[in-house]
Amino acid sequence: MTVVEWLAREGWIVVSWWALVTLAGAAALPLCFRLLGALRNRGYTLARAAGLLLVGFTFWLLASLGFLRNTTGSMMLAWVIVLAASVVVYRRLGPRLDLRAWWRENRAVVIVGEVLFLVLLLGWAFFRASRTT
């Protein structure tokens, strides 16, 4: 099977992983902006990892305590909880960030980070796909 055939058949899985990881990062982004404000990019490049950890931990904790079941809706609820906590922390701690000025200063970092993430995600997906067949 060629890469093009695999991508046509299984590509939606890679796209869904990219979307879910990006949404997790978006939930943690206000928190990273506030708590990692001393970094030049204010923690943007760490937001995906922090989002995955926070959403995953929130889901695991609430499911372990019996408040959630292992369903898609419960995972979405964990995401909403992380997003709400992140926004509350962002609004309560200090002045708000001028996003336009931040974008002008960090445009290159954001673009390189996004391209690097996408290349690594696709590379790992292709590597795993070649190992399973």
C-alpha atoms as a PDB file:
ATOM      1  CA  MET A   1       0.000   0.000   0.000  1.00  0.00           C
ATOM      2  CA  THR A   2       1.365   3.396  -0.919  1.00  0.00           C
ATOM      3  CA  VAL A   3       1.395   6.451   1.303  1.00  0.00           C
ATOM      4  CA  VAL A   4      -1.271   8.108  -0.846  1.00  0.00           C
ATOM      5  CA  GLU A   5      -3.586   5.087  -0.529  1.00  0.00           C
ATOM      6  CA  TRP A   6      -3.029   4.950   3.225  1.00  0.00           C
ATOM      7  CA  LEU A   7      -3.648   8.676   3.579  1.00  0.00           C
ATOM      8  CA  ALA A   8      -6.864   8.440   1.540  1.00  0.00           C
ATOM      9  CA  ARG A   9      -8.106   5.563   3.702  1.00  0.00           C
ATOM     10  CA  GLU A  10      -6.840   6.581   7.151  1.00  0.00           C
ATOM     11  CA  GLY A  11      -6.083  10.295   6.821  1.00  0.00           C
ATOM     12  CA  TRP A  12      -9.184  11.368   8.721  1.00  0.00           C
ATOM     13  CA  ILE A  13      -7.728   9.737  11.838  1.00  0.00           C
ATOM     14  CA  VAL A  14      -4.616  11.922  11.626  1.00  0.00           C
ATOM     15  CA  VAL A  15      -6.774  15.004  11.057  1.00  0.00           C
ATOM     16  CA  SER A  16      -8.958  14.134  14.043  1.00  0.00           C
ATOM     17  CA  TRP A  17      -5.880  13.679  16.264  1.00  0.00           C
ATOM     18  CA  TRP A  18      -4.555  17.049  15.102  1.00  0.00           C
ATOM     19  CA  ALA A  19      -7.911  18.694  15.856  1.00  0.00           C
ATOM     20  CA  LEU A  20      -8.247  17.119  19.310  1.00  0.00           C
ATOM     21  CA  VAL A  21      -4.712  18.024  20.348  1.00  0.00           C
ATOM     22  CA  THR A  22      -5.190  21.554  19.039  1.00  0.00           C
ATOM     23  CA  LEU A  23      -8.445  21.919  20.996  1.00  0.00           C
ATOM     24  CA  ALA A  24      -6.726  20.695  24.153  1.00  0.00           C
ATOM     25  CA  GLY A  25      -3.997  23.265  23.569  1.00  0.00           C
ATOM     26  CA  ALA A  26      -6.584  25.981  23.005  1.00  0.00           C
ATOM     27  CA  ALA A  27      -8.176  25.150  26.353  1.00  0.00           C
ATOM     28  CA  ALA A  28      -4.845  25.603  28.142  1.00  0.00           C
ATOM     29  CA  LEU A  29      -3.632  28.592  26.114  1.00  0.00           C
ATOM     30  CA  PRO A  30      -5.044  31.341  28.390  1.00  0.00           C
ATOM     31  CA  LEU A  31      -3.524  29.573  31.391  1.00  0.00           C
ATOM     32  CA  CYS A  32      -0.149  29.293  29.654  1.00  0.00           C
ATOM     33  CA  PHE A  33      -0.298  32.937  28.595  1.00  0.00           C
ATOM     34  CA  ARG A  34      -0.807  33.978  32.197  1.00  0.00           C
ATOM     35  CA  LEU A  35       1.404  31.547  34.094  1.00  0.00           C
ATOM     36  CA  LEU A  36       4.233  31.395  31.552  1.00  0.00           C
ATOM     37  CA  GLY A  37       4.190  35.096  30.746  1.00  0.00           C
ATOM     38  CA  ALA A  38       7.908  35.459  31.436  1.00  0.00           C
ATOM     39  CA  LEU A  39       8.712  33.338  28.389  1.00  0.00           C
ATOM     40  CA  ARG A  40       9.149  35.194  25.129  1.00  0.00           C
ATOM     41  CA  ASN A  41       6.191  33.447  23.445  1.00  0.00           C
ATOM     42  CA  ARG A  42       4.228  33.398  26.729  1.00  0.00           C
ATOM     43  CA  GLY A  43       4.045  29.595  26.695  1.00  0.00           C
ATOM     44  CA  TYR A  44       2.348  29.201  23.317  1.00  0.00           C
ATOM     45  CA  THR A  45       4.545  26.296  22.250  1.00  0.00           C
ATOM     46  CA  LEU A  46       3.848  24.464  25.511  1.00  0.00           C
ATOM     47  CA  ALA A  47       0.071  24.931  25.374  1.00  0.00           C
ATOM     48  CA  ARG A  48      -0.652  21.688  23.487  1.00  0.00           C
ATOM     49  CA  ALA A  49       1.318  19.569  25.923  1.00  0.00           C
ATOM     50  CA  ALA A  50      -0.203  21.380  28.894  1.00  0.00           C
ATOM     51  CA  GLY A  51      -3.670  21.018  27.402  1.00  0.00           C
ATOM     52  CA  LEU A  52      -3.274  17.291  26.865  1.00  0.00           C
ATOM     53  CA  LEU A  53      -2.000  16.837  30.398  1.00  0.00           C
ATOM     54  CA  LEU A  54      -4.682  18.995  32.009  1.00  0.00           C
ATOM     55  CA  VAL A  55      -7.635  17.625  30.042  1.00  0.00           C
ATOM     56  CA  GLY A  56      -6.405  14.051  30.467  1.00  0.00           C
ATOM     57  CA  PHE A  57      -5.789  14.490  34.182  1.00  0.00           C
ATOM     58  CA  THR A  58      -9.150  16.180  34.735  1.00  0.00           C
ATOM     59  CA  PHE A  59     -10.944  13.391  32.881  1.00  0.00           C
ATOM     60  CA  TRP A  60      -9.002  10.674  34.714  1.00  0.00           C
ATOM     61  CA  LEU A  61      -9.568  12.227  38.136  1.00  0.00           C
ATOM     62  CA  LEU A  62     -13.294  12.774  37.683  1.00  0.00           C
ATOM     63  CA  ALA A  63     -13.750   9.310  36.170  1.00  0.00           C
ATOM     64  CA  SER A  64     -11.725   7.697  38.967  1.00  0.00           C
ATOM     65  CA  LEU A  65     -13.863   9.420  41.562  1.00  0.00           C
ATOM     66  CA  GLY A  66     -17.002   8.175  39.820  1.00  0.00           C
ATOM     67  CA  PHE A  67     -18.267  11.543  38.555  1.00  0.00           C
ATOM     68  CA  LEU A  68     -17.721  10.741  34.872  1.00  0.00           C
ATOM     69  CA  ARG A  69     -18.006   7.689  32.690  1.00  0.00           C
ATOM     70  CA  ASN A  70     -15.680   6.817  29.843  1.00  0.00           C
ATOM     71  CA  THR A  71     -17.643   8.539  27.074  1.00  0.00           C
ATOM     72  CA  THR A  72     -17.017  11.216  24.486  1.00  0.00           C
ATOM     73  CA  GLY A  73     -19.349  13.585  26.311  1.00  0.00           C
ATOM     74  CA  SER A  74     -17.397  13.145  29.529  1.00  0.00           C
ATOM     75  CA  MET A  75     -14.156  13.957  27.730  1.00  0.00           C
ATOM     76  CA  MET A  76     -15.786  17.073  26.294  1.00  0.00           C
ATOM     77  CA  LEU A  77     -16.882  18.042  29.796  1.00  0.00           C
ATOM     78  CA  ALA A  78     -13.298  17.671  31.033  1.00  0.00           C
ATOM     79  CA  TRP A  79     -12.192  19.948  28.175  1.00  0.00           C
ATOM     80  CA  VAL A  80     -14.813  22.555  29.128  1.00  0.00           C
ATOM     81  CA  ILE A  81     -13.695  22.411  32.770  1.00  0.00           C
ATOM     82  CA  VAL A  82     -10.065  23.018  31.781  1.00  0.00           C
ATOM     83  CA  LEU A  83     -11.080  25.829  29.429  1.00  0.00           C
ATOM     84  CA  ALA A  84     -13.219  27.504  32.114  1.00  0.00           C
ATOM     85  CA  ALA A  85     -10.472  27.244  34.745  1.00  0.00           C
ATOM     86  CA  SER A  86      -7.945  28.554  32.265  1.00  0.00           C
ATOM     87  CA  VAL A  87     -10.078  31.571  31.357  1.00  0.00           C
ATOM     88  CA  VAL A  88     -10.769  32.332  35.038  1.00  0.00           C
ATOM     89  CA  VAL A  89      -7.055  32.279  35.862  1.00  0.00           C
ATOM     90  CA  TYR A  90      -6.278  34.428  32.823  1.00  0.00           C
ATOM     91  CA  ARG A  91      -8.837  37.071  33.770  1.00  0.00           C
ATOM     92  CA  ARG A  92      -8.046  37.142  37.489  1.00  0.00           C
ATOM     93  CA  LEU A  93      -4.256  37.368  37.349  1.00  0.00           C
ATOM     94  CA  GLY A  94      -2.974  40.642  36.022  1.00  0.00           C
ATOM     95  CA  PRO A  95      -3.726  42.795  33.001  1.00  0.00           C
ATOM     96  CA  ARG A  96      -4.955  41.363  29.725  1.00  0.00           C
ATOM     97  CA  LEU A  97      -2.637  40.733  26.843  1.00  0.00           C
ATOM     98  CA  ASP A  98      -2.759  42.739  23.614  1.00  0.00           C
ATOM     99  CA  LEU A  99      -3.094  39.805  21.198  1.00  0.00           C
ATOM    100  CA  ARG A 100      -2.336  41.884  18.095  1.00  0.00           C
ATOM    101  CA  ALA A 101       0.981  43.079  19.497  1.00  0.00           C
ATOM    102  CA  TRP A 102       1.770  39.557  20.704  1.00  0.00           C
ATOM    103  CA  TRP A 103       1.007  38.152  17.242  1.00  0.00           C
ATOM    104  CA  ARG A 104       3.286  40.689  15.535  1.00  0.00           C
ATOM    105  CA  GLU A 105       6.139  39.794  17.879  1.00  0.00           C
ATOM    106  CA  ASN A 106       5.646  36.005  17.788  1.00  0.00           C
ATOM    107  CA  ARG A 107       4.296  35.283  14.320  1.00  0.00           C
ATOM    108  CA  ALA A 108       7.440  33.396  13.277  1.00  0.00           C
ATOM    109  CA  VAL A 109       7.472  31.291  16.448  1.00  0.00           C
ATOM    110  CA  VAL A 110       3.802  30.368  16.017  1.00  0.00           C
ATOM    111  CA  ILE A 111       4.208  29.419  12.345  1.00  0.00           C
ATOM    112  CA  VAL A 112       7.369  27.388  12.954  1.00  0.00           C
ATOM    113  CA  GLY A 113       5.746  25.660  15.936  1.00  0.00           C
ATOM    114  CA  GLU A 114       2.638  24.760  13.951  1.00  0.00           C
ATOM    115  CA  VAL A 115       4.608  23.495  10.955  1.00  0.00           C
ATOM    116  CA  LEU A 116       6.945  21.490  13.197  1.00  0.00           C
ATOM    117  CA  PHE A 117       4.006  19.935  15.046  1.00  0.00           C
ATOM    118  CA  LEU A 118       2.284  19.007  11.789  1.00  0.00           C
ATOM    119  CA  VAL A 119       5.459  17.528  10.277  1.00  0.00           C
ATOM    120  CA  LEU A 120       6.163  15.465  13.398  1.00  0.00           C
ATOM    121  CA  LEU A 121       2.546  14.283  13.648  1.00  0.00           C
ATOM    122  CA  LEU A 122       2.472  13.202   9.995  1.00  0.00           C
ATOM    123  CA  GLY A 123       5.931  11.643  10.258  1.00  0.00           C
ATOM    124  CA  TRP A 124       4.950   9.623  13.297  1.00  0.00           C
ATOM    125  CA  ALA A 125       1.654   8.578  11.677  1.00  0.00           C
ATOM    126  CA  PHE A 126       3.471   7.397   8.542  1.00  0.00           C
ATOM    127  CA  PHE A 127       6.063   5.591  10.663  1.00  0.00           C
ATOM    128  CA  ARG A 128       3.389   3.804  12.688  1.00  0.00           C
ATOM    129  CA  ALA A 129       1.404   2.969   9.554  1.00  0.00           C
ATOM    130  CA  SER A 130       4.438   1.394   7.923  1.00  0.00           C
ATOM    131  CA  ARG A 131       5.124  -0.722  11.040  1.00  0.00           C
ATOM    132  CA  THR A 132       1.615  -2.192  11.324  1.00  0.00           C
ATOM    133  CA  THR A 133       1.327  -3.597   7.813  1.00  0.00           C
END
